[in-house]
Amino acid sequence: MGVYENHILPHVINFCCGLEPVNRQREKLVPLAQGKILEVGMGTGLNMPYYRRDNVEVIYGLEPNAKSCEMAAARIAEAGLDVDMIGLDGQEIPLDRDSVDTIVLTYTLCTIPDAMKAVGEMRRVLKPGGRLLFSEHGKAPDATVRKWQDRINPMWKVIGGGCNLNRDIPDLIRSGGFDIEELDEMYLPGPKVAAYTYWGAAS
């Protein structure tokens, strides 16, 4: 799995997460980020074009995959933003308590092995009054779709780099100590098992 995860999977994720319906979600969310920003799961830098330069002091980008970081470099350079890449996943955030103004979480919570620990770390580093901006796919509301999500999830995790289809995103965020202030949800275009999306803001 080393060659696949380190050299092939980043290109697959870059393609799938760069499709137009997903980019429209980024366009809704990312421009709202301001101040000192933590992006958890920066991947190949797909959020970079959507940040508003005047609102950004610095972006701390957590991304454990070296190939994804390499692929992100061009988008970071083009954006002209101050980005500090950190080669860890969301379970370990080497920042001080109450040190960031905004956390950006886009299509990442599905892949973090210990999602609850990661959300707890996000809460630790977010300043009082700060915002967690999220757009994540997860557990569908329809019983038939949920059944298929549960059925194929073990195989999907293997080919998708640990991606889980059936995580209850709002419950994870609330259980990690956040209050969800804004929440929208719908199926994006695409296979329903991977298309139900939650997005909004929490504090």
C-alpha atoms as a PDB file:
ATOM      1  CA  MET A   1       0.000   0.000   0.000  1.00  0.00           C
ATOM      2  CA  GLY A   2       3.000   2.341   0.352  1.00  0.00           C
ATOM      3  CA  VAL A   3       3.319   3.107  -3.371  1.00  0.00           C
ATOM      4  CA  TYR A   4      -0.443   3.421  -3.785  1.00  0.00           C
ATOM      5  CA  GLU A   5      -0.977   5.675  -0.743  1.00  0.00           C
ATOM      6  CA  ASN A   6       2.068   7.839  -1.349  1.00  0.00           C
ATOM      7  CA  HIS A   7       2.085   8.219  -5.121  1.00  0.00           C
ATOM      8  CA  ILE A   8      -1.244   7.218  -6.680  1.00  0.00           C
ATOM      9  CA  LEU A   9      -3.886   8.061  -4.073  1.00  0.00           C
ATOM     10  CA  PRO A  10      -2.977  11.788  -3.823  1.00  0.00           C
ATOM     11  CA  HIS A  11      -3.714  12.161  -7.545  1.00  0.00           C
ATOM     12  CA  VAL A  12      -7.025  10.292  -7.190  1.00  0.00           C
ATOM     13  CA  ILE A  13      -8.086  12.445  -4.242  1.00  0.00           C
ATOM     14  CA  ASN A  14      -6.948  15.601  -6.030  1.00  0.00           C
ATOM     15  CA  PHE A  15      -9.197  14.713  -8.968  1.00  0.00           C
ATOM     16  CA  CYS A  16     -12.261  13.657  -6.954  1.00  0.00           C
ATOM     17  CA  CYS A  17     -12.039  16.505  -4.435  1.00  0.00           C
ATOM     18  CA  GLY A  18     -11.448  19.006  -7.216  1.00  0.00           C
ATOM     19  CA  LEU A  19     -14.699  18.289  -9.050  1.00  0.00           C
ATOM     20  CA  GLU A  20     -16.991  21.275  -9.619  1.00  0.00           C
ATOM     21  CA  PRO A  21     -19.695  20.386  -7.036  1.00  0.00           C
ATOM     22  CA  VAL A  22     -17.019  20.093  -4.338  1.00  0.00           C
ATOM     23  CA  ASN A  23     -15.347  23.315  -5.417  1.00  0.00           C
ATOM     24  CA  ARG A  24     -18.663  25.120  -5.091  1.00  0.00           C
ATOM     25  CA  GLN A  25     -18.688  24.018  -1.445  1.00  0.00           C
ATOM     26  CA  ARG A  26     -15.186  25.413  -0.983  1.00  0.00           C
ATOM     27  CA  GLU A  27     -16.288  28.677  -2.558  1.00  0.00           C
ATOM     28  CA  LYS A  28     -19.075  29.036   0.022  1.00  0.00           C
ATOM     29  CA  LEU A  29     -16.877  28.324   3.006  1.00  0.00           C
ATOM     30  CA  VAL A  30     -13.210  29.184   2.623  1.00  0.00           C
ATOM     31  CA  PRO A  31     -13.583  32.951   1.995  1.00  0.00           C
ATOM     32  CA  LEU A  32     -15.081  33.255   5.499  1.00  0.00           C
ATOM     33  CA  ALA A  33     -11.778  32.233   7.124  1.00  0.00           C
ATOM     34  CA  GLN A  34      -9.767  35.018   8.730  1.00  0.00           C
ATOM     35  CA  GLY A  35      -6.811  35.772  10.975  1.00  0.00           C
ATOM     36  CA  LYS A  36      -4.593  32.883  12.017  1.00  0.00           C
ATOM     37  CA  ILE A  37      -6.065  29.908  10.208  1.00  0.00           C
ATOM     38  CA  LEU A  38      -5.573  26.189  10.768  1.00  0.00           C
ATOM     39  CA  GLU A  39      -6.471  24.042   7.771  1.00  0.00           C
ATOM     40  CA  VAL A  40      -6.748  20.422   8.844  1.00  0.00           C
ATOM     41  CA  GLY A  41      -5.994  18.078   5.964  1.00  0.00           C
ATOM     42  CA  MET A  42      -4.692  20.569   3.426  1.00  0.00           C
ATOM     43  CA  GLY A  43      -4.207  17.813   0.864  1.00  0.00           C
ATOM     44  CA  THR A  44      -3.073  19.159  -2.505  1.00  0.00           C
ATOM     45  CA  GLY A  45      -4.020  22.757  -1.692  1.00  0.00           C
ATOM     46  CA  LEU A  46      -7.441  22.803  -3.350  1.00  0.00           C
ATOM     47  CA  ASN A  47      -8.692  25.477  -0.926  1.00  0.00           C
ATOM     48  CA  MET A  48      -5.921  27.929  -1.765  1.00  0.00           C
ATOM     49  CA  PRO A  49      -7.710  29.869  -4.548  1.00  0.00           C
ATOM     50  CA  TYR A  50     -10.674  30.589  -2.265  1.00  0.00           C
ATOM     51  CA  TYR A  51      -8.972  32.348   0.635  1.00  0.00           C
ATOM     52  CA  ARG A  52      -9.369  36.120   0.734  1.00  0.00           C
ATOM     53  CA  ARG A  53      -5.842  37.461   0.947  1.00  0.00           C
ATOM     54  CA  ASP A  54      -6.798  40.554   2.966  1.00  0.00           C
ATOM     55  CA  ASN A  55      -8.354  38.364   5.678  1.00  0.00           C
ATOM     56  CA  VAL A  56      -5.445  35.961   6.136  1.00  0.00           C
ATOM     57  CA  GLU A  57      -2.606  36.494   8.592  1.00  0.00           C
ATOM     58  CA  VAL A  58      -1.136  32.999   8.338  1.00  0.00           C
ATOM     59  CA  ILE A  59      -2.357  29.517   7.430  1.00  0.00           C
ATOM     60  CA  TYR A  60      -1.093  26.466   9.292  1.00  0.00           C
ATOM     61  CA  GLY A  61      -1.604  23.532   6.945  1.00  0.00           C
ATOM     62  CA  LEU A  62      -1.747  20.056   8.486  1.00  0.00           C
ATOM     63  CA  GLU A  63      -1.085  17.321   5.937  1.00  0.00           C
ATOM     64  CA  PRO A  64       0.675  13.996   6.656  1.00  0.00           C
ATOM     65  CA  ASN A  65       1.092  12.870   3.041  1.00  0.00           C
ATOM     66  CA  ALA A  66       4.390  14.089   1.565  1.00  0.00           C
ATOM     67  CA  LYS A  67       3.214  13.756  -2.045  1.00  0.00           C
ATOM     68  CA  SER A  68       0.116  15.846  -1.328  1.00  0.00           C
ATOM     69  CA  CYS A  69       2.304  18.532   0.252  1.00  0.00           C
ATOM     70  CA  GLU A  70       4.501  18.506  -2.842  1.00  0.00           C
ATOM     71  CA  MET A  71       1.435  18.875  -5.078  1.00  0.00           C
ATOM     72  CA  ALA A  72       0.119  21.717  -2.914  1.00  0.00           C
ATOM     73  CA  ALA A  73       3.261  23.802  -3.338  1.00  0.00           C
ATOM     74  CA  ALA A  74       2.278  25.306  -6.688  1.00  0.00           C
ATOM     75  CA  ARG A  75      -1.181  26.338  -5.472  1.00  0.00           C
ATOM     76  CA  ILE A  76       0.324  27.859  -2.332  1.00  0.00           C
ATOM     77  CA  ALA A  77       2.837  29.831  -4.379  1.00  0.00           C
ATOM     78  CA  GLU A  78       0.141  31.048  -6.749  1.00  0.00           C
ATOM     79  CA  ALA A  79      -2.089  32.189  -3.875  1.00  0.00           C
ATOM     80  CA  GLY A  80       0.714  34.294  -2.418  1.00  0.00           C
ATOM     81  CA  LEU A  81      -0.306  33.519   1.162  1.00  0.00           C
ATOM     82  CA  ASP A  82       1.832  32.850   4.228  1.00  0.00           C
ATOM     83  CA  VAL A  83       1.452  29.089   4.681  1.00  0.00           C
ATOM     84  CA  ASP A  84       3.282  27.018   7.297  1.00  0.00           C
ATOM     85  CA  MET A  85       3.008  23.336   6.352  1.00  0.00           C
ATOM     86  CA  ILE A  86       2.957  20.834   9.213  1.00  0.00           C
ATOM     87  CA  GLY A  87       3.493  17.185   8.298  1.00  0.00           C
ATOM     88  CA  LEU A  88       1.032  15.701  10.779  1.00  0.00           C
ATOM     89  CA  ASP A  89      -2.604  14.676  10.714  1.00  0.00           C
ATOM     90  CA  GLY A  90      -5.409  16.188  12.766  1.00  0.00           C
ATOM     91  CA  GLN A  91      -4.828  13.885  15.737  1.00  0.00           C
ATOM     92  CA  GLU A  92      -1.690  15.864  16.573  1.00  0.00           C
ATOM     93  CA  ILE A  93      -1.817  19.645  16.312  1.00  0.00           C
ATOM     94  CA  PRO A  94       1.468  21.218  17.494  1.00  0.00           C
ATOM     95  CA  LEU A  95      -0.059  24.614  18.243  1.00  0.00           C
ATOM     96  CA  ASP A  96      -0.747  26.349  21.538  1.00  0.00           C
ATOM     97  CA  ARG A  97      -4.131  26.392  23.193  1.00  0.00           C
ATOM     98  CA  ASP A  98      -6.386  29.221  21.987  1.00  0.00           C
ATOM     99  CA  SER A  99      -3.939  30.145  19.213  1.00  0.00           C
ATOM    100  CA  VAL A 100      -5.993  30.217  15.981  1.00  0.00           C
ATOM    101  CA  ASP A 101      -8.946  32.325  14.870  1.00  0.00           C
ATOM    102  CA  THR A 102     -10.407  29.978  12.275  1.00  0.00           C
ATOM    103  CA  ILE A 103     -10.233  26.263  11.527  1.00  0.00           C
ATOM    104  CA  VAL A 104     -11.001  25.104   7.988  1.00  0.00           C
ATOM    105  CA  LEU A 105     -12.077  21.479   7.662  1.00  0.00           C
ATOM    106  CA  THR A 106     -12.983  20.302   4.153  1.00  0.00           C
ATOM    107  CA  TYR A 107     -13.375  16.623   3.258  1.00  0.00           C
ATOM    108  CA  THR A 108     -10.921  15.526   5.919  1.00  0.00           C
ATOM    109  CA  LEU A 109     -12.810  14.258   8.959  1.00  0.00           C
ATOM    110  CA  CYS A 110     -13.751  11.113   7.052  1.00  0.00           C
ATOM    111  CA  THR A 111     -10.124   9.953   6.897  1.00  0.00           C
ATOM    112  CA  ILE A 112      -8.690  10.751  10.344  1.00  0.00           C
ATOM    113  CA  PRO A 113      -8.445   7.453  12.255  1.00  0.00           C
ATOM    114  CA  ASP A 114      -9.369   8.913  15.658  1.00  0.00           C
ATOM    115  CA  ALA A 115     -11.821  11.608  14.609  1.00  0.00           C
ATOM    116  CA  MET A 116     -12.925  12.390  18.168  1.00  0.00           C
ATOM    117  CA  LYS A 117      -9.352  13.038  19.263  1.00  0.00           C
ATOM    118  CA  ALA A 118      -8.864  15.292  16.251  1.00  0.00           C
ATOM    119  CA  VAL A 119     -11.973  17.345  16.995  1.00  0.00           C
ATOM    120  CA  GLY A 120     -10.825  17.682  20.599  1.00  0.00           C
ATOM    121  CA  GLU A 121      -7.474  18.998  19.384  1.00  0.00           C
ATOM    122  CA  MET A 122      -9.252  21.504  17.152  1.00  0.00           C
ATOM    123  CA  ARG A 123     -11.278  22.740  20.102  1.00  0.00           C
ATOM    124  CA  ARG A 124      -8.087  23.091  22.144  1.00  0.00           C
ATOM    125  CA  VAL A 125      -6.318  25.349  19.656  1.00  0.00           C
ATOM    126  CA  LEU A 126      -9.313  27.478  18.608  1.00  0.00           C
ATOM    127  CA  LYS A 127      -9.608  30.805  20.377  1.00  0.00           C
ATOM    128  CA  PRO A 128     -12.784  31.669  22.307  1.00  0.00           C
ATOM    129  CA  GLY A 129     -15.014  33.327  19.744  1.00  0.00           C
ATOM    130  CA  GLY A 130     -13.212  31.590  16.877  1.00  0.00           C
ATOM    131  CA  ARG A 131     -14.997  29.540  14.222  1.00  0.00           C
ATOM    132  CA  LEU A 132     -14.723  26.052  12.824  1.00  0.00           C
ATOM    133  CA  LEU A 133     -15.774  26.129   9.162  1.00  0.00           C
ATOM    134  CA  PHE A 134     -16.567  22.670   7.799  1.00  0.00           C
ATOM    135  CA  SER A 135     -17.769  20.882   4.691  1.00  0.00           C
ATOM    136  CA  GLU A 136     -17.685  17.101   5.014  1.00  0.00           C
ATOM    137  CA  HIS A 137     -19.406  14.123   3.437  1.00  0.00           C
ATOM    138  CA  GLY A 138     -20.869  11.501   5.732  1.00  0.00           C
ATOM    139  CA  LYS A 139     -23.826   9.500   6.965  1.00  0.00           C
ATOM    140  CA  ALA A 140     -26.847   9.807   4.690  1.00  0.00           C
ATOM    141  CA  PRO A 141     -30.396  10.346   5.991  1.00  0.00           C
ATOM    142  CA  ASP A 142     -31.946   7.628   3.824  1.00  0.00           C
ATOM    143  CA  ALA A 143     -32.008   4.118   5.266  1.00  0.00           C
ATOM    144  CA  THR A 144     -31.254   2.411   1.948  1.00  0.00           C
ATOM    145  CA  VAL A 145     -28.239   4.633   1.284  1.00  0.00           C
ATOM    146  CA  ARG A 146     -26.992   4.162   4.858  1.00  0.00           C
ATOM    147  CA  LYS A 147     -27.219   0.395   4.449  1.00  0.00           C
ATOM    148  CA  TRP A 148     -24.996   0.574   1.369  1.00  0.00           C
ATOM    149  CA  GLN A 149     -22.612   2.953   3.102  1.00  0.00           C
ATOM    150  CA  ASP A 150     -22.191   0.482   5.956  1.00  0.00           C
ATOM    151  CA  ARG A 151     -21.884  -2.450   3.562  1.00  0.00           C
ATOM    152  CA  ILE A 152     -19.128  -1.096   1.365  1.00  0.00           C
ATOM    153  CA  ASN A 153     -17.315   1.039   3.955  1.00  0.00           C
ATOM    154  CA  PRO A 154     -14.653  -1.605   4.844  1.00  0.00           C
ATOM    155  CA  MET A 155     -13.579  -1.905   1.204  1.00  0.00           C
ATOM    156  CA  TRP A 156     -13.938   1.830   0.579  1.00  0.00           C
ATOM    157  CA  LYS A 157     -11.554   2.604   3.453  1.00  0.00           C
ATOM    158  CA  VAL A 158      -8.865   0.457   1.856  1.00  0.00           C
ATOM    159  CA  ILE A 159      -9.059   2.017  -1.601  1.00  0.00           C
ATOM    160  CA  GLY A 160      -9.836   5.528  -0.293  1.00  0.00           C
ATOM    161  CA  GLY A 161      -6.905   6.007   2.034  1.00  0.00           C
ATOM    162  CA  GLY A 162      -8.929   5.507   5.200  1.00  0.00           C
ATOM    163  CA  CYS A 163     -12.000   7.452   4.018  1.00  0.00           C
ATOM    164  CA  ASN A 164     -15.193   6.507   5.880  1.00  0.00           C
ATOM    165  CA  LEU A 165     -18.542   6.907   4.141  1.00  0.00           C
ATOM    166  CA  ASN A 166     -20.774   6.699   7.200  1.00  0.00           C
ATOM    167  CA  ARG A 167     -19.501   9.075   9.863  1.00  0.00           C
ATOM    168  CA  ASP A 168     -22.109  11.261  11.557  1.00  0.00           C
ATOM    169  CA  ILE A 169     -20.380  14.595  11.028  1.00  0.00           C
ATOM    170  CA  PRO A 170     -22.622  16.873  13.137  1.00  0.00           C
ATOM    171  CA  ASP A 171     -22.513  14.396  16.028  1.00  0.00           C
ATOM    172  CA  LEU A 172     -18.702  14.212  15.873  1.00  0.00           C
ATOM    173  CA  ILE A 173     -18.394  17.990  15.936  1.00  0.00           C
ATOM    174  CA  ARG A 174     -20.847  18.403  18.804  1.00  0.00           C
ATOM    175  CA  SER A 175     -19.334  15.523  20.785  1.00  0.00           C
ATOM    176  CA  GLY A 176     -15.936  17.206  20.469  1.00  0.00           C
ATOM    177  CA  GLY A 177     -17.225  20.209  22.397  1.00  0.00           C
ATOM    178  CA  PHE A 178     -18.387  22.529  19.625  1.00  0.00           C
ATOM    179  CA  ASP A 179     -21.708  24.318  19.221  1.00  0.00           C
ATOM    180  CA  ILE A 180     -22.916  24.190  15.626  1.00  0.00           C
ATOM    181  CA  GLU A 181     -24.234  27.638  14.722  1.00  0.00           C
ATOM    182  CA  GLU A 182     -24.960  27.059  11.037  1.00  0.00           C
ATOM    183  CA  LEU A 183     -25.693  23.736   9.336  1.00  0.00           C
ATOM    184  CA  ASP A 184     -26.826  22.847   5.828  1.00  0.00           C
ATOM    185  CA  GLU A 185     -26.928  19.400   4.307  1.00  0.00           C
ATOM    186  CA  MET A 186     -27.760  17.813   0.971  1.00  0.00           C
ATOM    187  CA  TYR A 187     -26.653  15.273  -1.608  1.00  0.00           C
ATOM    188  CA  LEU A 188     -24.088  16.688  -3.995  1.00  0.00           C
ATOM    189  CA  PRO A 189     -24.140  15.336  -7.561  1.00  0.00           C
ATOM    190  CA  GLY A 190     -22.532  11.912  -7.699  1.00  0.00           C
ATOM    191  CA  PRO A 191     -22.924   8.435  -6.164  1.00  0.00           C
ATOM    192  CA  LYS A 192     -25.209   8.822  -3.154  1.00  0.00           C
ATOM    193  CA  VAL A 193     -23.076   6.645  -0.890  1.00  0.00           C
ATOM    194  CA  ALA A 194     -20.323   9.282  -0.999  1.00  0.00           C
ATOM    195  CA  ALA A 195     -22.296  12.431  -1.782  1.00  0.00           C
ATOM    196  CA  TYR A 196     -24.258  13.412   1.337  1.00  0.00           C
ATOM    197  CA  THR A 197     -22.600  16.576   2.565  1.00  0.00           C
ATOM    198  CA  TYR A 198     -22.820  18.634   5.744  1.00  0.00           C
ATOM    199  CA  TRP A 199     -21.453  22.173   5.846  1.00  0.00           C
ATOM    200  CA  GLY A 200     -21.584  25.128   8.164  1.00  0.00           C
ATOM    201  CA  ALA A 201     -19.878  26.808  11.108  1.00  0.00           C
ATOM    202  CA  ALA A 202     -19.304  25.896  14.750  1.00  0.00           C
ATOM    203  CA  SER A 203     -17.801  27.654  17.737  1.00  0.00           C
END
